[in-house]
Protein backbone atom coordinates (compact mmCIF):
# COMPACT_ATOMS: atom_id res chain seq x y z
CA UNK A 1 13.96 10.81 17.91
CA UNK A 2 11.72 12.76 15.49
CA UNK A 3 9.23 10.56 13.65
CA UNK A 4 8.89 12.31 10.30
CA UNK A 5 12.64 12.72 9.74
CA UNK A 6 13.20 9.11 10.69
CA UNK A 7 10.39 7.97 8.36
CA UNK A 8 12.15 9.72 5.49
CA UNK A 9 15.41 7.98 6.39
CA UNK A 10 13.70 4.58 6.37
CA UNK A 11 11.99 5.42 3.08
CA UNK A 12 15.44 6.01 1.54
CA UNK A 13 16.75 2.57 2.59
CA UNK A 14 17.21 0.41 -0.51
CA UNK A 15 17.69 -3.01 1.02
CA UNK A 16 14.26 -4.65 1.54
CA UNK A 17 15.25 -6.57 4.67
CA UNK A 18 16.80 -3.51 6.29
CA UNK A 19 13.82 -1.31 5.33
CA UNK A 20 11.34 -3.81 6.78
CA UNK A 21 13.31 -4.15 10.02
CA UNK A 22 13.68 -0.37 10.34
CA UNK A 23 9.93 0.18 9.82
CA UNK A 24 9.12 -2.37 12.51
CA UNK A 25 11.67 -0.84 14.90
CA UNK A 26 10.31 2.65 14.28
CA UNK A 27 6.77 1.51 15.05
CA UNK A 28 7.97 -0.13 18.28
CA UNK A 29 9.31 3.28 19.36
CA UNK A 30 6.05 5.08 18.53
CA UNK A 31 5.19 6.17 22.08
CA UNK A 32 8.52 7.98 22.52
CA UNK A 33 8.66 9.78 19.18
CA UNK A 34 8.40 13.53 18.74
CA UNK A 35 6.62 14.92 15.67
CA UNK A 36 7.82 18.08 13.93
CA UNK A 37 5.26 20.53 12.54
CA UNK A 38 7.61 22.04 9.94
CA UNK A 39 8.74 20.75 6.55
CA UNK A 40 11.39 18.04 6.82
CA UNK A 41 13.31 19.00 3.66
CA UNK A 42 14.45 22.48 2.73
CA UNK A 43 12.88 23.75 -0.53
CA UNK A 44 14.90 22.60 -3.52
CA UNK A 45 16.60 19.75 -1.66
CA UNK A 46 17.11 16.80 -4.00
CA UNK A 47 16.33 13.35 -2.68
CA UNK A 48 15.88 10.10 -4.60
CA UNK A 49 12.67 8.39 -3.53
CA UNK A 50 11.87 5.72 -2.75
CA UNK A 51 14.88 3.64 -1.82
CA UNK A 52 14.63 0.34 -3.67
CA UNK A 53 17.03 -2.49 -4.57
CA UNK A 54 18.61 -2.96 -7.99
CA UNK A 55 16.28 -5.91 -8.51
CA UNK A 56 13.49 -6.43 -9.43
CA UNK A 57 13.69 -4.66 -12.75
CA UNK A 58 10.76 -2.24 -13.07
CA UNK A 59 8.60 -2.36 -16.18
CA UNK A 60 5.38 -0.75 -17.34
CA UNK A 61 2.29 -2.39 -15.90
CA UNK A 62 1.34 -3.81 -19.30
CA UNK A 63 4.81 -5.34 -19.78
CA UNK A 64 4.75 -7.50 -16.67
CA UNK A 65 3.99 -11.09 -17.67
CA UNK A 66 1.26 -13.06 -15.95
CA UNK A 67 1.38 -16.79 -15.38
CA UNK A 68 -1.20 -19.33 -14.32
CA UNK A 69 -0.96 -20.30 -10.62
CA UNK A 70 -1.45 -23.89 -11.77
CA UNK A 71 2.34 -24.12 -12.25
CA UNK A 72 5.02 -23.72 -9.58
CA UNK A 73 6.66 -20.87 -11.50
CA UNK A 74 3.28 -19.20 -12.01
CA UNK A 75 2.64 -19.26 -8.27
CA UNK A 76 6.10 -17.87 -7.58
CA UNK A 77 5.48 -15.00 -10.03
CA UNK A 78 2.11 -14.31 -8.39
CA UNK A 79 3.55 -14.24 -4.86
CA UNK A 80 6.44 -12.09 -6.08
CA UNK A 81 3.97 -9.57 -7.55
CA UNK A 82 2.08 -9.37 -4.25
CA UNK A 83 5.36 -9.05 -2.33
CA UNK A 84 6.28 -6.11 -4.55
CA UNK A 85 2.94 -4.46 -3.79
CA UNK A 86 3.60 -4.89 -0.06
CA UNK A 87 7.13 -3.49 -0.41
CA UNK A 88 5.68 -0.47 -2.20
CA UNK A 89 3.06 -0.15 0.52
CA UNK A 90 5.80 0.25 3.15
CA UNK A 91 7.10 3.17 1.10
CA UNK A 92 3.64 4.67 0.64
CA UNK A 93 2.97 4.70 4.38
CA UNK A 94 6.37 6.20 5.18
CA UNK A 95 5.89 8.87 2.51
CA UNK A 96 2.52 9.82 4.02
CA UNK A 97 4.31 10.40 7.32
CA UNK A 98 7.28 12.53 6.31
CA UNK A 99 5.75 14.49 3.44
CA UNK A 100 2.72 16.09 5.08
CA UNK A 101 3.21 18.39 8.06
CA UNK A 102 0.62 19.78 10.46
CA UNK A 103 -1.62 16.75 10.87
CA UNK A 104 -2.79 15.39 14.25
CA UNK A 105 -0.38 13.08 16.05
CA UNK A 106 -2.73 10.12 15.50
CA UNK A 107 -2.39 10.52 11.73
CA UNK A 108 1.34 9.82 11.94
CA UNK A 109 0.92 6.95 14.38
CA UNK A 110 -1.73 5.39 12.13
CA UNK A 111 0.54 5.40 9.09
CA UNK A 112 3.47 4.17 11.14
CA UNK A 113 1.35 1.16 12.13
CA UNK A 114 0.50 0.62 8.47
CA UNK A 115 4.20 0.74 7.51
CA UNK A 116 5.03 -1.87 10.14
CA UNK A 117 2.22 -4.20 9.10
CA UNK A 118 3.17 -3.89 5.44
CA UNK A 119 6.74 -4.78 6.41
CA UNK A 120 5.40 -7.88 8.14
CA UNK A 121 3.38 -8.81 5.04
CA UNK A 122 6.41 -8.38 2.81
CA UNK A 123 8.55 -10.55 5.07
CA UNK A 124 5.91 -13.31 5.16
CA UNK A 125 5.72 -13.35 1.37
CA UNK A 126 9.48 -13.19 0.89
CA UNK A 127 9.97 -16.08 3.28
CA UNK A 128 7.31 -18.04 1.41
CA UNK A 129 9.11 -17.35 -1.87
CA UNK A 130 12.33 -18.68 -0.36
CA UNK A 131 10.65 -22.01 0.40
CA UNK A 132 9.94 -22.26 -3.34
CA UNK A 133 13.55 -21.56 -4.33
CA UNK A 134 13.01 -17.88 -5.22
CA UNK A 135 13.63 -14.46 -3.72
CA UNK A 136 12.28 -10.95 -4.09
CA UNK A 137 13.87 -9.52 -7.22
CA UNK A 138 13.81 -12.73 -9.24
CA UNK A 139 10.98 -11.48 -11.50
CA UNK A 140 10.17 -8.07 -13.04
CA UNK A 141 7.64 -5.80 -11.33
CA UNK A 142 5.86 -2.49 -11.93
CA UNK A 143 5.57 0.81 -10.03
CA UNK A 144 1.89 1.67 -10.44
CA UNK A 145 1.35 2.41 -6.75
CA UNK A 146 4.34 4.72 -6.48
CA UNK A 147 3.32 6.60 -9.63
CA UNK A 148 0.09 7.70 -7.94
CA UNK A 149 2.10 8.59 -4.85
CA UNK A 150 4.18 10.97 -6.96
CA UNK A 151 1.12 12.48 -8.63
CA UNK A 152 -0.38 13.40 -5.25
CA UNK A 153 2.78 14.56 -3.49
CA UNK A 154 1.52 18.15 -3.11
CA UNK A 155 -2.08 17.35 -2.10
CA UNK A 156 -2.75 15.35 1.05
CA UNK A 157 -6.48 15.16 0.32
CA UNK A 158 -5.80 13.59 -3.07
CA UNK A 159 -3.19 11.28 -1.49
CA UNK A 160 -5.69 9.92 1.03
CA UNK A 161 -8.39 9.62 -1.64
CA UNK A 162 -6.39 7.97 -4.38
CA UNK A 163 -3.74 5.83 -2.71
CA UNK A 164 -5.21 3.97 0.30
CA UNK A 165 -8.88 4.11 -0.66
CA UNK A 166 -8.41 3.60 -4.41
CA UNK A 167 -5.14 1.89 -5.36
CA UNK A 168 -4.71 -0.13 -2.17
CA UNK A 169 -8.42 -0.86 -1.82
CA UNK A 170 -8.12 -2.90 -5.02
CA UNK A 171 -6.52 -5.55 -2.85
CA UNK A 172 -9.75 -5.98 -0.91
CA UNK A 173 -11.43 -7.03 -4.15
CA UNK A 174 -8.58 -9.03 -5.68
CA UNK A 175 -7.36 -11.05 -2.71
CA UNK A 176 -10.39 -13.38 -2.32
CA UNK A 177 -10.26 -14.13 -6.05
CA UNK A 178 -6.56 -14.99 -5.82
CA UNK A 179 -7.23 -17.18 -2.80
CA UNK A 180 -9.94 -19.08 -4.65
CA UNK A 181 -7.55 -19.85 -7.50
CA UNK A 182 -4.88 -21.04 -5.08
CA UNK A 183 -7.36 -23.25 -3.23
CA UNK A 184 -8.28 -24.85 -6.54
CA UNK A 185 -4.60 -25.62 -7.13
CA UNK A 186 -4.53 -27.24 -3.68
CA UNK A 187 -0.79 -27.89 -3.36
CA UNK A 188 0.82 -27.32 0.07
CA UNK A 189 2.59 -24.16 -1.10
CA UNK A 190 -0.63 -22.80 -2.63
CA UNK A 191 -2.58 -23.40 0.59
CA UNK A 192 0.22 -21.84 2.65
CA UNK A 193 -0.08 -18.75 0.44
CA UNK A 194 -3.84 -18.66 1.10
CA UNK A 195 -3.12 -18.46 4.84
CA UNK A 196 -0.69 -15.58 4.34
CA UNK A 197 -3.26 -13.76 2.23
CA UNK A 198 -5.80 -14.17 5.06
CA UNK A 199 -3.47 -12.14 7.29
CA UNK A 200 -2.89 -9.55 4.60
CA UNK A 201 -6.60 -9.12 3.81
CA UNK A 202 -7.44 -8.70 7.49
CA UNK A 203 -4.83 -5.99 7.95
CA UNK A 204 -5.56 -4.27 4.63
CA UNK A 205 -9.16 -3.66 5.70
CA UNK A 206 -7.70 -1.66 8.57
CA UNK A 207 -5.28 0.19 6.29
CA UNK A 208 -8.03 1.25 3.90
CA UNK A 209 -10.14 2.26 6.91
CA UNK A 210 -7.32 4.55 8.03
CA UNK A 211 -7.26 6.10 4.57
CA UNK A 212 -11.02 6.56 4.63
CA UNK A 213 -10.91 8.13 8.09
CA UNK A 214 -8.27 10.70 7.23
CA UNK A 215 -9.79 11.46 3.83
CA UNK A 216 -13.10 12.30 5.50
CA UNK A 217 -11.33 14.22 8.28
CA UNK A 218 -9.56 16.35 5.68
CA UNK A 219 -12.74 16.89 3.67
CA UNK A 220 -14.50 18.12 6.80
CA UNK A 221 -11.57 20.38 7.64
CA UNK A 222 -11.44 21.85 4.14
CA UNK A 223 -15.17 22.02 3.45
CA UNK A 224 -15.41 19.33 0.77
CA UNK A 225 -18.22 16.85 0.21
CA UNK A 226 -16.31 13.54 0.43
CA UNK A 227 -18.29 11.78 -2.30
CA UNK A 228 -18.44 14.52 -4.93
CA UNK A 229 -14.86 15.61 -4.23
CA UNK A 230 -13.63 12.05 -4.68
CA UNK A 231 -15.12 11.87 -8.18
CA UNK A 232 -13.44 15.19 -9.00
CA UNK A 233 -10.05 13.92 -7.76
CA UNK A 234 -10.38 10.74 -9.82
CA UNK A 235 -10.78 12.87 -12.94
CA UNK A 236 -8.13 15.42 -12.02
CA UNK A 237 -5.41 12.87 -11.28
CA UNK A 238 -6.54 10.33 -13.89
CA UNK A 239 -6.91 7.59 -11.30
CA UNK A 240 -7.90 4.18 -12.64
CA UNK A 241 -11.63 3.57 -12.57
CA UNK A 242 -12.08 0.34 -10.65
CA UNK A 243 -13.99 -2.54 -12.17
CA UNK A 244 -16.23 -5.16 -10.51
CA UNK A 245 -16.49 -7.56 -8.84
CA UNK A 246 -16.06 -5.65 -5.58
CA UNK A 247 -15.67 -7.09 -2.11
CA UNK A 248 -18.55 -5.07 -0.66
CA UNK A 249 -18.33 -6.71 2.77
CA UNK A 250 -14.65 -5.84 3.19
CA UNK A 251 -15.18 -2.37 1.78
CA UNK A 252 -18.00 -1.75 4.28
CA UNK A 253 -15.72 -2.85 7.12
CA UNK A 254 -13.12 -0.41 5.76
CA UNK A 255 -15.62 2.45 5.99
CA UNK A 256 -17.02 2.86 2.49
CA UNK A 257 -20.60 4.16 2.45
CA UNK A 258 -23.46 2.58 0.51
CA UNK A 259 -23.45 5.61 -1.81
CA UNK A 260 -19.75 5.08 -2.53
CA UNK A 261 -20.28 1.38 -3.25
CA UNK A 262 -23.13 2.23 -5.59
CA UNK A 263 -20.92 4.76 -7.42
CA UNK A 264 -18.29 2.08 -7.93
CA UNK A 265 -20.85 -0.31 -9.38
CA UNK A 266 -21.95 2.30 -11.89
CA UNK A 267 -18.46 2.25 -13.38
């Protein structure tokens, strides 16, 4: 079995349960997988990416309603939003595998691990939603993460800079704040969600660290200064400028330097 071709096939799966299971199965086969050095698709080949179900309906980021987690419906909407992020994150990891040829074998194995862990996160959240009488697809969602994936489809350096260590790193900052709100609610379902978010935060530190590692590896290969080149990529691709508060401790564990943390604080 060839890893990059199979990653593309899993990326095209629309059913969330099937996609999650396929990502986990693919990761379990990691040691036996071959990795092709050539492009997976012929130039001009049309393919609809990513595979996603008919629901949830996808809206602009500003059109997605927010609700207070103080209500049962508000908590369901919150968990649904996080589940959608995790579903997108499966796609992002799979896209990083199939799209970019010629990287070291460990690069592909790293992102395969990420895809599998994101699939686990999605399943945990979806199962939690089901205990509240809801399912993935019951509420609208947005595609902000995938939009940046599309913007950087021809530039692996920009992809590593702006998806894992920018868009996904937002979760390192946001998750503790969400957990605090849920603890204040204090209901059994809210506290169960806090425990799931503990698992997600732990794993996401590792995912952002993988992005940081390969971004710096690519910068060294291509002769870029990682810090100055990052600022240039943010401008070039119109990436969102992140706002405080930042989870400096988690970001340090994920490999951000003190200079990078200071740059973030400067806004």
